Amino acid sequence: MSSDKPSVYLILGTAGSGRREVVADLIEGGLGGDDHALVLLSADEAACEADAGLGTPGRWRWSEGRIEAPALGDATHVFLIADGRRNPVDQVEAFQAWLPASGGDLARIVCVIHCALAAKHHELLAWFDACVHFSDVVLLNRREGLANKWMSDFQARYASQFLPCLFELVKDRRVKNPALILEPQARRMSHVFDEELNWEVTGVAEDEAEGDEEVEAHAEVDPYIERRPGGRRVKEIPDVAKYLA
């Protein structure tokens, strides 16, 4: 990562999952005195009490499938908090397009899981699966009142898949080690942001005249980003807005 570019963090999760409180904790506990944080909130999400710990947040807008956001200015660390009522896959795809023009470098994608919501609506697991697929760090929040067995089963669901992302608990709106969460090390399953890994060999053909082998390659399409001919995603996920108050 270039040292002269701001480090950009994409924060996924549902509305009400505690994303803003977590970001405030990461800023307070993980950044130094010379760092300047900029938080970008969706224009469609209302202000809340937790915004007091975010400095003076900016607002990004969703415009015809694109992210429109303010200039990053002199920020050293940027936290773009995704719209918690909108499809996270659409937002990851738009974020990928926005990032190069923003002047920042991707540090990490962090997902904050609303555990109580996941426990209440089993059908939302596909939505959380998508977020985990793109995430370097998964933070388990809103765990009050949940049985230990549910928490164990939820984590085992991903452990059995040998996912590389880091799972951590949030307690009293705080993470154990903010610096560890902010460490710009890729641990995500998705390669959509890894250009050098975004190509795959599809076959080898032998030239009959010369006897030479020709390697055919094409861009690898992330399973969540991939679309059918009609435009719909190959892997569809629930509309989380239907399950939120």
Protein backbone atom coordinates (compact mmCIF):
# COMPACT_ATOMS: atom_id res chain seq x y z
CA MET A 1 0.00 0.00 0.00
CA SER A 2 1.33 3.46 -0.91
CA SER A 3 2.17 5.48 2.18
CA ASP A 4 1.11 8.76 0.55
CA LYS A 5 -2.43 7.58 -0.09
CA PRO A 6 -5.20 7.38 2.52
CA SER A 7 -6.09 3.92 3.78
CA VAL A 8 -9.72 3.17 2.96
CA TYR A 9 -11.89 0.79 4.96
CA LEU A 10 -15.28 -0.41 3.72
CA ILE A 11 -17.63 -1.21 6.61
CA LEU A 12 -20.42 -3.69 5.83
CA GLY A 13 -23.35 -4.73 8.02
CA THR A 14 -27.02 -4.09 8.59
CA ALA A 15 -28.50 -0.90 9.95
CA GLY A 16 -28.60 -1.22 13.73
CA SER A 17 -25.63 -3.59 13.90
CA GLY A 18 -23.44 -1.05 15.71
CA ARG A 19 -21.16 -0.15 12.80
CA ARG A 20 -20.78 3.48 13.83
CA GLU A 21 -19.90 2.62 17.44
CA VAL A 22 -17.30 0.15 16.19
CA VAL A 23 -15.77 2.68 13.80
CA ALA A 24 -15.62 5.25 16.60
CA ASP A 25 -13.75 2.70 18.74
CA LEU A 26 -11.33 1.89 15.90
CA ILE A 27 -10.58 5.58 15.44
CA GLU A 28 -10.08 6.22 19.15
CA GLY A 29 -8.10 3.09 19.93
CA GLY A 30 -6.34 2.32 16.67
CA LEU A 31 -5.14 5.60 15.18
CA GLY A 32 -2.27 7.83 16.26
CA GLY A 33 -2.07 11.53 16.97
CA ASP A 34 -0.84 12.34 13.47
CA ASP A 35 -3.64 10.40 11.78
CA HIS A 36 -6.73 12.11 10.41
CA ALA A 37 -9.86 10.01 10.03
CA LEU A 38 -12.72 10.72 7.65
CA VAL A 39 -15.97 8.80 8.03
CA LEU A 40 -18.38 8.66 5.10
CA LEU A 41 -21.98 7.75 5.91
CA SER A 42 -24.76 6.93 3.47
CA ALA A 43 -26.96 9.94 2.76
CA ASP A 44 -29.97 7.66 3.22
CA GLU A 45 -29.15 6.74 6.82
CA ALA A 46 -30.36 9.03 9.60
CA ALA A 47 -28.00 10.60 12.10
CA CYS A 48 -27.69 8.87 15.46
CA GLU A 49 -26.09 9.31 18.87
CA ALA A 50 -23.02 7.29 17.87
CA ASP A 51 -22.07 9.92 15.28
CA ALA A 52 -20.58 12.00 18.10
CA GLY A 53 -17.51 9.74 18.02
CA LEU A 54 -17.01 10.09 14.27
CA GLY A 55 -15.73 13.65 14.10
CA THR A 56 -17.46 15.46 11.26
CA PRO A 57 -18.65 12.68 8.97
CA GLY A 58 -19.25 13.26 5.29
CA ARG A 59 -22.09 11.77 3.28
CA TRP A 60 -21.86 9.57 0.22
CA ARG A 61 -24.75 9.08 -2.19
CA TRP A 62 -26.02 6.16 -4.26
CA SER A 63 -26.57 7.39 -7.82
CA GLU A 64 -27.63 4.98 -10.58
CA GLY A 65 -25.53 2.16 -9.17
CA ARG A 66 -22.54 4.37 -8.42
CA ILE A 67 -21.02 5.80 -5.25
CA GLU A 68 -20.68 9.57 -5.20
CA ALA A 69 -18.60 10.75 -2.25
CA PRO A 70 -16.76 13.90 -1.14
CA ALA A 71 -13.05 14.28 -1.81
CA LEU A 72 -10.87 12.59 0.79
CA GLY A 73 -8.87 15.76 1.44
CA ASP A 74 -6.03 15.35 3.94
CA ALA A 75 -7.47 12.20 5.53
CA THR A 76 -5.01 9.42 6.32
CA HIS A 77 -7.74 6.88 7.10
CA VAL A 78 -11.18 6.75 5.47
CA PHE A 79 -14.09 4.67 6.72
CA LEU A 80 -16.87 4.33 4.17
CA ILE A 81 -19.86 2.82 5.98
CA ALA A 82 -22.10 1.02 3.52
CA ASP A 83 -25.85 1.56 3.47
CA GLY A 84 -27.18 -0.99 5.95
CA ARG A 85 -30.49 -1.40 4.14
CA ARG A 86 -29.10 -1.92 0.65
CA ASN A 87 -27.62 -4.94 -1.12
CA PRO A 88 -23.98 -5.26 0.02
CA VAL A 89 -22.88 -6.97 -3.20
CA ASP A 90 -24.08 -4.02 -5.30
CA GLN A 91 -22.21 -1.70 -2.96
CA VAL A 92 -18.98 -3.72 -3.08
CA GLU A 93 -19.12 -3.63 -6.88
CA ALA A 94 -19.70 0.14 -6.86
CA PHE A 95 -16.99 0.62 -4.22
CA GLN A 96 -14.51 -1.21 -6.45
CA ALA A 97 -15.27 1.26 -9.26
CA TRP A 98 -15.11 4.30 -6.95
CA LEU A 99 -11.89 3.45 -5.12
CA PRO A 100 -9.29 4.17 -7.85
CA ALA A 101 -10.78 7.58 -8.60
CA SER A 102 -10.94 8.44 -4.88
CA GLY A 103 -7.16 8.52 -4.54
CA GLY A 104 -7.20 6.02 -1.68
CA ASP A 105 -5.94 2.48 -1.26
CA LEU A 106 -8.06 -0.35 0.10
CA ALA A 107 -6.89 -1.30 3.58
CA ARG A 108 -9.58 -3.74 4.66
CA ILE A 109 -13.24 -4.65 4.40
CA VAL A 110 -14.85 -5.09 7.80
CA CYS A 111 -18.27 -6.62 8.43
CA VAL A 112 -20.19 -6.02 11.66
CA ILE A 113 -22.66 -8.85 12.28
CA HIS A 114 -25.97 -8.11 14.03
CA CYS A 115 -26.05 -11.48 15.79
CA ALA A 116 -29.53 -11.03 17.30
CA LEU A 117 -30.95 -10.33 13.84
CA ALA A 118 -29.17 -13.33 12.35
CA ALA A 119 -30.51 -15.56 15.13
CA LYS A 120 -34.07 -14.30 14.64
CA HIS A 121 -34.14 -14.64 10.86
CA HIS A 122 -32.39 -17.77 9.64
CA GLU A 123 -33.23 -16.83 6.07
CA LEU A 124 -30.81 -13.89 6.34
CA LEU A 125 -27.81 -16.19 6.63
CA ALA A 126 -27.34 -15.92 2.86
CA TRP A 127 -27.08 -12.13 3.27
CA PHE A 128 -24.46 -12.47 6.00
CA ASP A 129 -22.62 -15.12 3.95
CA ALA A 130 -22.19 -12.56 1.17
CA CYS A 131 -20.77 -9.98 3.56
CA VAL A 132 -18.35 -12.51 5.08
CA HIS A 133 -17.21 -13.55 1.60
CA PHE A 134 -15.93 -10.02 0.91
CA SER A 135 -14.60 -9.29 4.40
CA ASP A 136 -11.11 -9.39 5.89
CA VAL A 137 -12.53 -9.01 9.40
CA VAL A 138 -15.88 -10.12 10.81
CA LEU A 139 -16.97 -8.53 14.09
CA LEU A 140 -19.72 -10.27 16.07
CA ASN A 141 -21.90 -7.65 17.74
CA ARG A 142 -25.37 -7.35 19.30
CA ARG A 143 -24.96 -10.71 21.08
CA GLU A 144 -26.99 -9.88 24.19
CA GLY A 145 -29.35 -12.65 25.25
CA LEU A 146 -28.15 -15.18 22.70
CA ALA A 147 -27.42 -18.74 23.75
CA ASN A 148 -23.82 -19.86 23.68
CA LYS A 149 -24.81 -22.72 21.40
CA TRP A 150 -26.14 -20.36 18.76
CA MET A 151 -22.90 -18.37 18.83
CA SER A 152 -20.85 -21.55 18.60
CA ASP A 153 -22.93 -22.88 15.71
CA PHE A 154 -22.76 -19.57 13.86
CA GLN A 155 -18.97 -19.40 14.08
CA ALA A 156 -18.63 -23.11 13.26
CA ARG A 157 -20.58 -22.47 10.05
CA TYR A 158 -17.67 -20.41 8.76
CA ALA A 159 -14.86 -22.29 10.47
CA SER A 160 -15.93 -25.42 8.58
CA GLN A 161 -15.38 -23.53 5.32
CA PHE A 162 -11.79 -22.64 6.31
CA LEU A 163 -12.35 -18.98 5.49
CA PRO A 164 -9.25 -16.79 5.85
CA CYS A 165 -11.05 -13.80 7.41
CA LEU A 166 -10.53 -12.87 11.05
CA PHE A 167 -13.46 -13.30 13.47
CA GLU A 168 -13.55 -11.17 16.63
CA LEU A 169 -16.13 -10.34 19.30
CA VAL A 170 -17.41 -6.85 20.08
CA LYS A 171 -18.02 -6.24 23.78
CA ASP A 172 -19.58 -3.04 25.12
CA ARG A 173 -19.16 -1.41 21.69
CA ARG A 174 -15.43 -2.11 21.69
CA VAL A 175 -13.06 -4.55 20.06
CA LYS A 176 -10.20 -6.13 21.93
CA ASN A 177 -7.42 -4.85 19.68
CA PRO A 178 -8.30 -1.99 17.29
CA ALA A 179 -4.82 -1.98 15.73
CA LEU A 180 -5.25 -5.63 14.74
CA ILE A 181 -8.55 -4.86 13.02
CA LEU A 182 -7.02 -1.94 11.11
CA GLU A 183 -3.91 -3.85 9.97
CA PRO A 184 -4.01 -3.58 6.15
CA GLN A 185 -3.59 -7.28 5.47
CA ALA A 186 -5.95 -8.97 3.02
CA ARG A 187 -7.72 -11.98 4.53
CA ARG A 188 -10.89 -12.06 2.42
CA MET A 189 -12.13 -14.97 0.35
CA SER A 190 -13.04 -12.73 -2.59
CA HIS A 191 -10.33 -11.73 -5.07
CA VAL A 192 -12.36 -8.96 -6.65
CA PHE A 193 -9.86 -6.34 -5.40
CA ASP A 194 -6.76 -8.41 -6.18
CA GLU A 195 -5.90 -7.59 -9.79
CA GLU A 196 -2.94 -9.95 -9.95
CA LEU A 197 -5.19 -12.86 -8.93
CA ASN A 198 -8.17 -11.88 -11.03
CA TRP A 199 -7.33 -14.01 -14.04
CA GLU A 200 -7.71 -17.74 -14.50
CA VAL A 201 -6.46 -20.19 -17.12
CA THR A 202 -9.36 -21.81 -18.98
CA GLY A 203 -7.64 -24.24 -21.32
CA VAL A 204 -4.62 -25.14 -23.41
CA ALA A 205 -4.79 -25.54 -27.19
CA GLU A 206 -2.04 -27.00 -29.37
CA ASP A 207 -1.24 -25.34 -32.68
CA GLU A 208 -1.29 -28.14 -35.29
CA ALA A 209 1.32 -26.53 -37.54
CA GLU A 210 3.84 -25.36 -35.00
CA GLY A 211 3.12 -27.72 -32.13
CA ASP A 212 3.05 -24.74 -29.75
CA GLU A 213 0.70 -24.53 -26.81
CA GLU A 214 -1.60 -21.54 -26.48
CA VAL A 215 -3.00 -20.67 -23.10
CA GLU A 216 -6.47 -19.17 -23.03
CA ALA A 217 -7.27 -16.97 -20.03
CA HIS A 218 -10.15 -14.77 -19.01
CA ALA A 219 -11.06 -12.54 -16.11
CA GLU A 220 -12.20 -14.42 -13.04
CA VAL A 221 -15.71 -13.40 -12.01
CA ASP A 222 -16.51 -13.37 -8.33
CA PRO A 223 -19.41 -15.77 -7.64
CA TYR A 224 -21.41 -13.01 -5.94
CA ILE A 225 -20.65 -10.39 -8.61
CA GLU A 226 -21.42 -12.68 -11.56
CA ARG A 227 -24.67 -12.05 -13.41
CA ARG A 228 -26.95 -14.16 -15.60
CA PRO A 229 -27.61 -13.05 -19.21
CA GLY A 230 -30.77 -11.25 -18.04
CA GLY A 231 -28.82 -9.17 -15.54
CA ARG A 232 -29.76 -10.89 -12.26
CA ARG A 233 -27.04 -12.13 -9.95
CA VAL A 234 -26.07 -15.79 -10.16
CA LYS A 235 -26.05 -15.90 -6.35
CA GLU A 236 -29.02 -13.89 -5.10
CA ILE A 237 -29.40 -12.79 -1.49
CA PRO A 238 -32.44 -11.62 0.54
CA ASP A 239 -33.54 -8.00 0.71
CA VAL A 240 -32.39 -7.15 4.23
CA ALA A 241 -34.58 -4.04 4.38
CA LYS A 242 -37.64 -6.28 4.72
CA TYR A 243 -36.32 -7.55 8.07
CA LEU A 244 -35.37 -4.19 9.59
CA ALA A 245 -37.63 -1.91 11.59
